[in-house]
Amino acid sequence: MAKIQAIKGFADLFADESRLFAFLEQSARTVFFRYGFTELRTPLMEYTDLFCRSIGTETDVVQKEMYTFADSKGRSMSLRPEATAGVMRAYVENNVGAKEGVSKFFTTGPMFRHERPQKGRMRQFHQINCECIGPKEPEADAEMISMLMYFLAYIGIRNITLQLNSLGCPNCRPAYRDLLKSWLKSLDTDILCEDCKRRMETNPLRVLDCKNPQCQETTKNAPLMLDHACEECAKHFQVVKNCLDTQNIAYEINHRLVRGLDYYTRTAFEVVSNNIGAQGSIAGGGRYDGLVESIGGPSVAGIGFACGMERLALLLEAPQGEKLDFYIAALDDTCREYAFKAAQEFRRAELRGVMGFESRSIKSAMRQADKSEARFAVLIGSSELEQNNLMIKNMENGSQEAVPFENAVSYIKEGK
């Protein structure tokens, strides 16, 4: 019978990867709690319309990458391709805005996009997301960026570049969009890739984001959003930069940075590493002042970011697993119940260890204890059972001693 294998682009995470992901999640909690964020867990699946209305029907995510299907009642459902839309839906549905002026949420968990799997980019991937809903002031943008850079430094990521851009607002972006569209049409469009030919009509800003080298070269002299921003957007962006300057946070202006989702306005940012290949983005986000309103909520500002956990993991080594305190084995069948009782007592005393359920010879038991890398081997034979003792061997220095059952926990703890 043929073996059943994992779906392409969906990975199993064993001990090293799991420890690393747990480290990232716990570090996120430590850092984000300091900034007043609380954890929110949203469903993995939502009505498809939520993503169409928030992300945008012309984005690659909605057009090409979502896992979408009909339920038994014919309603269109999608596995979440990103977290922000679900957070906004929860914010609106639970009327959170009526209870607090500013809401700060962070989420962790799997997202799903049907794209070509590659190193650090899976079809089921994991993100850490932060969303700050309420403040419209540019200082909020700077604080989110500052928090992101603090988090990346906290987990030990170095040699990265922060990129910034402003995408304008509903007052100035439409005119720039028309200007860019006209400029693109003046080119020899046969040079552009098929995606850019389509985007030129439906979402011309996305042409600037194309990763095709030929498209990048062709559009290198395109008009810049920052040259056509309204006064308010220009002032907003300048304050963001000033705040980052006061924190000595270095950044580069990237005029091609438009992000892949339609809901961004004004500030957009990405953090890029040169150590994980051509697609070097490890985190990114921006302001989305019209997003909540687009899904039926109030007119409220917001800003957020996401970190790809698989991409962060490429830049980090898995933390060392904590060594076991004990390996316990019964030397004959009559001692197994006694060994079982001792193992449970040890764990209730906050010691970590395993029990070998099969009765073993001393030589075999010691071989298994050595393989487990436990600090202490605990052996129980008929003589230990009669005297209510445990034979405990320190695997690091080789010392061995018969220890009364009631003293065994303190013996191992003191030996640690």
Protein backbone atom coordinates (compact mmCIF):
# COMPACT_ATOMS: atom_id res chain seq x y z
CA MET A 1 0.00 0.00 0.00
CA ALA A 2 1.38 3.42 -0.99
CA LYS A 3 2.45 5.74 1.79
CA ILE A 4 0.40 8.87 2.40
CA GLN A 5 2.62 11.93 2.26
CA ALA A 6 2.22 15.52 3.41
CA ILE A 7 0.66 17.97 0.95
CA LYS A 8 3.25 19.87 -1.07
CA GLY A 9 4.11 23.11 0.70
CA PHE A 10 2.86 21.89 4.09
CA ALA A 11 5.65 20.94 6.50
CA ASP A 12 5.97 18.91 9.69
CA LEU A 13 7.81 20.76 12.43
CA PHE A 14 9.83 18.48 14.69
CA ALA A 15 11.73 19.38 17.85
CA ASP A 16 14.29 21.88 16.53
CA GLU A 17 11.78 23.82 14.41
CA SER A 18 9.12 23.67 17.14
CA ARG A 19 11.55 25.01 19.74
CA LEU A 20 12.51 27.84 17.42
CA PHE A 21 8.88 28.74 16.68
CA ALA A 22 8.06 28.62 20.41
CA PHE A 23 11.02 30.93 21.06
CA LEU A 24 9.74 33.40 18.45
CA GLU A 25 6.20 33.32 19.88
CA GLN A 26 7.34 33.77 23.47
CA SER A 27 9.72 36.58 22.47
CA ALA A 28 6.83 38.29 20.68
CA ARG A 29 4.72 38.10 23.83
CA THR A 30 7.56 39.50 25.94
CA VAL A 31 8.23 42.47 23.64
CA PHE A 32 4.69 43.30 22.56
CA PHE A 33 3.29 43.14 26.10
CA ARG A 34 5.74 45.91 26.97
CA TYR A 35 4.00 48.08 24.39
CA GLY A 36 0.52 47.37 25.71
CA PHE A 37 -0.53 44.74 23.17
CA THR A 38 -2.83 41.84 24.01
CA GLU A 39 -3.07 38.49 22.25
CA LEU A 40 -5.98 37.72 19.93
CA ARG A 41 -6.66 34.38 18.28
CA THR A 42 -8.84 34.50 15.17
CA PRO A 43 -10.24 31.62 13.05
CA LEU A 44 -8.16 30.03 10.32
CA MET A 45 -11.13 30.27 7.94
CA GLU A 46 -13.36 33.22 7.03
CA TYR A 47 -15.97 34.06 4.42
CA THR A 48 -14.15 34.77 1.15
CA ASP A 49 -15.83 38.16 0.83
CA LEU A 50 -13.86 39.43 3.82
CA PHE A 51 -10.58 39.03 1.93
CA CYS A 52 -12.01 40.34 -1.35
CA ARG A 53 -13.21 43.52 0.33
CA SER A 54 -10.12 44.08 2.47
CA ILE A 55 -7.14 42.79 0.48
CA GLY A 56 -8.59 43.77 -2.92
CA THR A 57 -9.90 41.74 -5.84
CA GLU A 58 -7.03 42.82 -8.10
CA THR A 59 -4.27 41.54 -5.81
CA ASP A 60 -2.33 38.36 -6.57
CA VAL A 61 -3.40 37.03 -3.17
CA VAL A 62 -7.10 37.08 -4.02
CA GLN A 63 -6.78 36.26 -7.71
CA LYS A 64 -4.24 33.45 -7.53
CA GLU A 65 -3.24 32.34 -4.05
CA MET A 66 -6.22 31.77 -1.75
CA TYR A 67 -7.50 28.32 -0.80
CA THR A 68 -11.20 28.88 -1.50
CA PHE A 69 -14.08 26.40 -1.53
CA ALA A 70 -17.83 26.21 -0.99
CA ASP A 71 -19.30 24.77 2.20
CA SER A 72 -22.32 22.47 2.31
CA LYS A 73 -24.64 25.47 1.93
CA GLY A 74 -22.78 26.85 -1.05
CA ARG A 75 -21.13 29.72 0.83
CA SER A 76 -17.64 30.64 -0.31
CA MET A 77 -15.02 30.09 2.39
CA SER A 78 -11.27 30.74 2.35
CA LEU A 79 -8.36 29.73 4.54
CA ARG A 80 -6.82 32.95 5.77
CA PRO A 81 -3.97 34.19 3.54
CA GLU A 82 -3.03 36.89 6.09
CA ALA A 83 -4.13 37.93 9.57
CA THR A 84 -5.10 41.60 9.39
CA ALA A 85 -8.49 41.13 7.73
CA GLY A 86 -9.60 38.62 10.39
CA VAL A 87 -8.48 40.94 13.19
CA MET A 88 -10.48 43.79 11.66
CA ARG A 89 -13.54 41.55 11.30
CA ALA A 90 -13.27 40.57 14.98
CA TYR A 91 -12.82 44.24 15.94
CA VAL A 92 -15.97 45.26 14.05
CA GLU A 93 -18.14 42.25 14.94
CA ASN A 94 -17.43 42.61 18.66
CA ASN A 95 -17.80 46.40 18.64
CA VAL A 96 -14.39 46.80 20.24
CA GLY A 97 -14.11 50.41 19.17
CA ALA A 98 -17.01 51.40 21.44
CA LYS A 99 -15.16 50.02 24.46
CA GLU A 100 -11.69 51.51 23.90
CA GLY A 101 -10.23 54.34 21.88
CA VAL A 102 -7.06 52.47 20.89
CA SER A 103 -6.87 48.70 20.43
CA LYS A 104 -3.57 46.84 20.23
CA PHE A 105 -3.63 43.18 19.18
CA PHE A 106 -1.00 40.66 18.23
CA THR A 107 -1.65 37.26 16.69
CA THR A 108 0.42 34.22 15.80
CA GLY A 109 -0.40 31.21 13.72
CA PRO A 110 -0.62 29.59 10.29
CA MET A 111 -1.66 31.33 7.06
CA PHE A 112 -2.31 29.71 3.68
CA ARG A 113 -1.37 30.76 0.16
CA HIS A 114 -1.26 28.59 -2.95
CA GLU A 115 2.07 29.67 -4.42
CA ARG A 116 5.20 27.87 -5.49
CA PRO A 117 6.90 26.48 -2.37
CA GLN A 118 10.49 27.59 -1.87
CA LYS A 119 12.97 28.07 0.93
CA GLY A 120 11.29 30.04 3.70
CA ARG A 121 8.03 30.37 1.75
CA MET A 122 5.52 27.57 2.22
CA ARG A 123 1.86 27.13 1.31
CA GLN A 124 1.09 26.80 4.99
CA PHE A 125 3.31 29.39 6.60
CA HIS A 126 3.32 31.08 9.99
CA GLN A 127 3.19 34.73 10.93
CA ILE A 128 3.46 37.01 13.91
CA ASN A 129 1.15 40.00 13.40
CA CYS A 130 0.61 43.26 15.26
CA GLU A 131 -2.30 45.62 14.69
CA CYS A 132 -2.85 49.03 16.33
CA ILE A 133 -6.35 50.36 15.64
CA GLY A 134 -7.39 53.91 16.47
CA PRO A 135 -4.53 56.42 16.29
CA LYS A 136 -4.10 58.41 13.08
CA GLU A 137 -1.02 60.28 14.24
CA PRO A 138 2.36 59.57 12.55
CA GLU A 139 3.95 58.85 15.94
CA ALA A 140 1.91 55.64 16.00
CA ASP A 141 3.56 54.58 12.74
CA ALA A 142 7.00 55.29 14.17
CA GLU A 143 6.24 53.36 17.35
CA MET A 144 5.11 50.29 15.42
CA ILE A 145 8.26 50.38 13.32
CA SER A 146 10.39 50.94 16.42
CA MET A 147 8.71 48.00 18.16
CA LEU A 148 9.32 45.76 15.15
CA MET A 149 13.01 46.66 15.06
CA TYR A 150 13.26 46.11 18.83
CA PHE A 151 11.66 42.68 18.45
CA LEU A 152 14.04 41.66 15.67
CA ALA A 153 17.03 42.77 17.75
CA TYR A 154 15.60 40.97 20.80
CA ILE A 155 15.53 37.63 18.98
CA GLY A 156 19.05 38.18 17.68
CA ILE A 157 18.56 39.14 14.04
CA ARG A 158 21.28 41.42 12.66
CA ASN A 159 22.38 42.86 9.32
CA ILE A 160 18.94 43.89 8.14
CA THR A 161 17.66 46.97 6.33
CA LEU A 162 14.49 48.93 7.07
CA GLN A 163 12.84 50.30 3.92
CA LEU A 164 10.21 53.06 3.96
CA ASN A 165 7.81 54.63 1.50
CA SER A 166 4.57 56.59 1.54
CA LEU A 167 1.66 55.42 -0.60
CA GLY A 168 -0.36 58.61 -0.26
CA CYS A 169 -4.02 58.82 0.70
CA PRO A 170 -7.41 58.98 -1.05
CA ASN A 171 -6.83 62.70 -1.65
CA CYS A 172 -3.57 62.40 -3.59
CA ARG A 173 -3.14 58.78 -4.68
CA PRO A 174 -5.88 58.76 -7.40
CA ALA A 175 -4.13 61.56 -9.32
CA TYR A 176 -0.77 59.83 -8.96
CA ARG A 177 -2.35 56.55 -10.03
CA ASP A 178 -3.66 58.18 -13.24
CA LEU A 179 -0.28 59.82 -13.87
CA LEU A 180 1.53 56.51 -13.42
CA LYS A 181 -0.94 54.72 -15.66
CA SER A 182 -0.42 57.26 -18.43
CA TRP A 183 3.34 57.04 -18.05
CA LEU A 184 3.25 53.24 -18.25
CA LYS A 185 1.15 53.37 -21.40
CA SER A 186 3.81 55.56 -23.01
CA LEU A 187 6.29 52.69 -22.74
CA ASP A 188 6.81 49.80 -25.10
CA THR A 189 4.50 47.62 -23.03
CA ASP A 190 5.53 44.47 -24.91
CA ILE A 191 8.64 44.54 -22.72
CA LEU A 192 6.55 44.13 -19.55
CA CYS A 193 5.58 40.74 -18.16
CA GLU A 194 2.00 39.54 -18.50
CA ASP A 195 1.21 40.34 -14.86
CA CYS A 196 2.40 43.93 -15.29
CA LYS A 197 0.35 44.37 -18.48
CA ARG A 198 -2.73 43.38 -16.50
CA ARG A 199 -1.79 45.44 -13.44
CA MET A 200 -1.16 48.50 -15.60
CA GLU A 201 -4.92 48.67 -16.19
CA THR A 202 -6.26 47.46 -12.86
CA ASN A 203 -3.66 48.45 -10.24
CA PRO A 204 -0.72 50.36 -11.77
CA LEU A 205 1.11 50.84 -8.45
CA ARG A 206 1.69 47.09 -8.35
CA VAL A 207 3.80 47.36 -11.51
CA LEU A 208 6.43 49.09 -9.38
CA ASP A 209 6.48 46.07 -7.07
CA CYS A 210 7.22 43.55 -9.84
CA LYS A 211 10.28 41.40 -9.14
CA ASN A 212 10.98 40.72 -12.84
CA PRO A 213 14.38 42.34 -13.57
CA GLN A 214 13.27 43.46 -17.04
CA CYS A 215 10.15 45.13 -15.65
CA GLN A 216 12.23 46.84 -12.97
CA GLU A 217 14.67 48.19 -15.54
CA THR A 218 11.85 49.37 -17.81
CA THR A 219 10.08 51.27 -15.00
CA LYS A 220 13.17 52.67 -13.24
CA ASN A 221 12.28 56.25 -14.24
CA ALA A 222 8.60 56.03 -13.28
CA PRO A 223 7.10 59.07 -11.50
CA LEU A 224 7.39 58.79 -7.71
CA MET A 225 4.53 58.86 -5.22
CA LEU A 226 6.56 60.97 -2.80
CA ASP A 227 6.87 63.69 -5.47
CA HIS A 228 3.09 63.86 -5.79
CA ALA A 229 1.98 63.42 -2.18
CA CYS A 230 -0.42 65.97 -0.75
CA GLU A 231 0.75 68.31 2.00
CA GLU A 232 -0.79 66.22 4.76
CA CYS A 233 0.83 63.00 3.53
CA ALA A 234 4.20 64.71 3.15
CA LYS A 235 4.01 66.10 6.70
CA HIS A 236 2.91 62.70 8.06
CA PHE A 237 5.85 60.93 6.42
CA GLN A 238 8.32 63.56 7.62
CA VAL A 239 7.21 63.12 11.25
CA VAL A 240 7.62 59.34 10.94
CA LYS A 241 11.18 59.81 9.69
CA ASN A 242 11.95 62.36 12.40
CA CYS A 243 10.77 59.97 15.13
CA LEU A 244 12.90 57.16 13.73
CA ASP A 245 15.87 59.51 13.55
CA THR A 246 15.52 60.35 17.25
CA GLN A 247 15.71 56.60 17.99
CA ASN A 248 18.76 56.18 15.76
CA ILE A 249 16.83 53.70 13.64
CA ALA A 250 18.44 53.64 10.19
CA TYR A 251 16.22 53.35 7.10
CA GLU A 252 16.25 53.64 3.33
CA ILE A 253 13.58 55.18 1.13
CA ASN A 254 12.40 52.60 -1.39
CA HIS A 255 10.17 54.24 -3.99
CA ARG A 256 9.18 50.83 -5.37
CA LEU A 257 7.81 49.63 -2.05
CA VAL A 258 4.03 49.45 -2.47
CA ARG A 259 3.24 46.21 -0.60
CA GLY A 260 1.03 43.51 -2.11
CA LEU A 261 -2.29 44.38 -0.47
CA ASP A 262 -4.67 47.15 -1.51
CA TYR A 263 -5.57 48.43 1.95
CA TYR A 264 -2.33 50.30 2.68
CA THR A 265 -2.27 54.12 2.84
CA ARG A 266 0.54 56.52 3.66
CA THR A 267 3.36 54.77 5.55
CA ALA A 268 4.57 51.44 4.16
CA PHE A 269 7.64 49.60 5.40
CA GLU A 270 9.60 46.37 5.03
CA VAL A 271 12.59 44.82 6.75
CA VAL A 272 14.92 43.07 4.34
CA SER A 273 17.82 40.66 4.83
CA ASN A 274 20.45 39.84 2.23
CA ASN A 275 21.09 36.43 3.80
CA ILE A 276 18.03 34.51 2.61
CA GLY A 277 18.08 34.89 -1.15
CA ALA A 278 16.54 37.29 -3.63
CA GLN A 279 13.17 37.53 -1.88
CA GLY A 280 14.68 38.92 1.29
CA SER A 281 11.69 40.44 3.08
CA ILE A 282 11.33 39.08 6.62
CA ALA A 283 8.71 41.56 7.92
CA GLY A 284 6.58 44.39 6.64
CA GLY A 285 3.47 46.40 7.08
CA GLY A 286 1.94 49.84 6.89
CA ARG A 287 -0.96 52.12 7.64
CA TYR A 288 -4.50 51.11 6.60
CA ASP A 289 -6.82 53.95 7.59
CA GLY A 290 -9.76 52.86 5.41
CA LEU A 291 -9.67 49.13 6.09
CA VAL A 292 -12.12 48.91 8.98
CA GLU A 293 -14.69 50.98 7.09
CA SER A 294 -14.31 48.79 3.99
CA ILE A 295 -15.65 45.76 5.89
CA GLY A 296 -18.62 47.57 7.41
CA GLY A 297 -17.05 49.11 10.50
CA PRO A 298 -16.56 52.71 11.62
CA SER A 299 -14.12 55.11 10.02
CA VAL A 300 -11.08 54.43 12.17
CA ALA A 301 -7.34 54.55 11.50
CA GLY A 302 -4.93 51.67 11.90
CA ILE A 303 -1.43 50.41 11.30
CA GLY A 304 0.14 46.96 11.51
CA PHE A 305 2.88 44.60 10.44
CA ALA A 306 3.58 40.90 9.97
CA CYS A 307 6.72 38.80 10.41
CA GLY A 308 7.14 35.57 8.47
CA MET A 309 8.24 32.98 11.02
CA GLU A 310 9.76 30.60 8.48
CA ARG A 311 11.82 33.48 7.10
CA LEU A 312 12.94 34.57 10.55
CA ALA A 313 13.89 30.96 11.26
CA LEU A 314 16.30 30.98 8.30
CA LEU A 315 18.33 33.63 10.15
CA LEU A 316 18.36 31.92 13.55
CA GLU A 317 19.64 28.72 15.11
CA ALA A 318 17.24 26.56 17.08
CA PRO A 319 17.67 26.97 20.85
CA GLN A 320 19.17 23.99 22.62
CA GLY A 321 16.56 21.70 24.11
CA GLU A 322 16.59 21.36 27.90
CA LYS A 323 18.29 18.13 28.99
CA LEU A 324 16.27 15.45 30.73
CA ASP A 325 16.81 15.15 34.47
CA PHE A 326 16.30 11.40 34.64
CA TYR A 327 15.86 8.17 32.78
CA ILE A 328 14.21 5.50 34.93
CA ALA A 329 14.16 1.78 34.18
CA ALA A 330 12.92 -1.38 35.89
CA LEU A 331 15.37 -4.28 35.82
CA ASP A 332 12.63 -6.92 36.02
CA ASP A 333 8.87 -7.11 35.65
CA THR A 334 8.15 -7.03 39.39
CA CYS A 335 9.66 -3.52 39.64
CA ARG A 336 7.75 -1.76 36.85
CA GLU A 337 4.92 -0.48 39.05
CA TYR A 338 7.45 0.90 41.54
CA ALA A 339 9.38 2.57 38.69
CA PHE A 340 6.14 4.02 37.33
CA LYS A 341 5.30 5.51 40.73
CA ALA A 342 8.79 7.04 41.04
CA ALA A 343 8.59 8.62 37.57
CA GLN A 344 5.29 10.34 38.40
CA GLU A 345 6.65 11.61 41.74
CA PHE A 346 9.66 13.09 39.96
CA ARG A 347 7.49 14.94 37.44
CA ARG A 348 5.20 16.32 40.12
CA ALA A 349 8.40 17.73 41.66
CA GLU A 350 9.10 19.52 38.34
CA LEU A 351 11.80 17.17 37.13
CA ARG A 352 11.90 16.20 33.45
CA GLY A 353 12.42 12.64 32.40
CA VAL A 354 11.27 9.45 30.73
CA MET A 355 10.57 5.90 31.81
CA GLY A 356 11.67 2.86 29.89
CA PHE A 357 8.55 0.71 30.02
CA GLU A 358 10.25 -2.51 28.98
CA SER A 359 12.17 -4.38 31.71
CA ARG A 360 15.86 -4.35 30.84
CA SER A 361 19.19 -5.70 31.95
CA ILE A 362 21.52 -3.24 33.67
CA LYS A 363 23.68 -3.01 30.56
CA SER A 364 20.69 -2.35 28.28
CA ALA A 365 19.16 0.15 30.74
CA MET A 366 22.40 2.11 30.95
CA ARG A 367 22.70 2.14 27.18
CA GLN A 368 19.20 3.63 26.91
CA ALA A 369 19.93 6.15 29.66
CA ASP A 370 23.05 7.26 27.81
CA LYS A 371 21.09 7.59 24.56
CA SER A 372 18.46 9.75 26.31
CA GLU A 373 21.22 12.16 27.45
CA ALA A 374 19.54 12.38 30.85
CA ARG A 375 21.62 13.70 33.74
CA PHE A 376 20.71 10.76 36.00
CA ALA A 377 19.93 7.12 35.38
CA VAL A 378 17.52 5.64 37.94
CA LEU A 379 17.55 1.84 38.11
CA ILE A 380 15.16 -0.32 40.11
CA GLY A 381 15.78 -4.02 40.71
CA SER A 382 14.43 -6.51 43.26
CA SER A 383 16.84 -5.39 45.99
CA GLU A 384 15.85 -1.70 45.54
CA LEU A 385 12.21 -2.71 45.65
CA GLU A 386 12.69 -4.64 48.94
CA GLN A 387 14.57 -1.76 50.60
CA ASN A 388 12.38 1.05 49.15
CA ASN A 389 15.47 2.51 47.46
CA LEU A 390 16.38 3.78 44.02
CA MET A 391 19.79 3.23 42.45
CA ILE A 392 20.75 6.62 40.99
CA LYS A 393 23.76 7.14 38.75
CA ASN A 394 25.09 10.57 37.84
CA MET A 395 25.70 10.25 34.10
CA GLU A 396 28.05 13.23 34.04
CA ASN A 397 30.58 12.13 36.68
CA GLY A 398 29.81 8.40 36.95
CA SER A 399 29.02 8.39 40.70
CA GLN A 400 26.33 5.94 41.82
CA GLU A 401 24.38 5.62 45.06
CA ALA A 402 21.40 3.80 46.57
CA VAL A 403 18.98 6.54 47.65
CA PRO A 404 15.81 6.10 49.75
CA PHE A 405 12.68 6.75 47.73
CA GLU A 406 11.67 9.76 49.86
CA ASN A 407 15.08 11.42 49.29
CA ALA A 408 15.37 10.79 45.57
CA VAL A 409 13.86 14.11 44.38
CA SER A 410 16.14 16.24 46.54
CA TYR A 411 19.14 14.08 45.57
CA ILE A 412 18.55 14.70 41.86
CA LYS A 413 17.77 18.40 42.34
CA GLU A 414 20.91 18.95 44.40
CA GLY A 415 22.93 17.03 41.82
CA LYS A 416 21.66 19.28 39.01
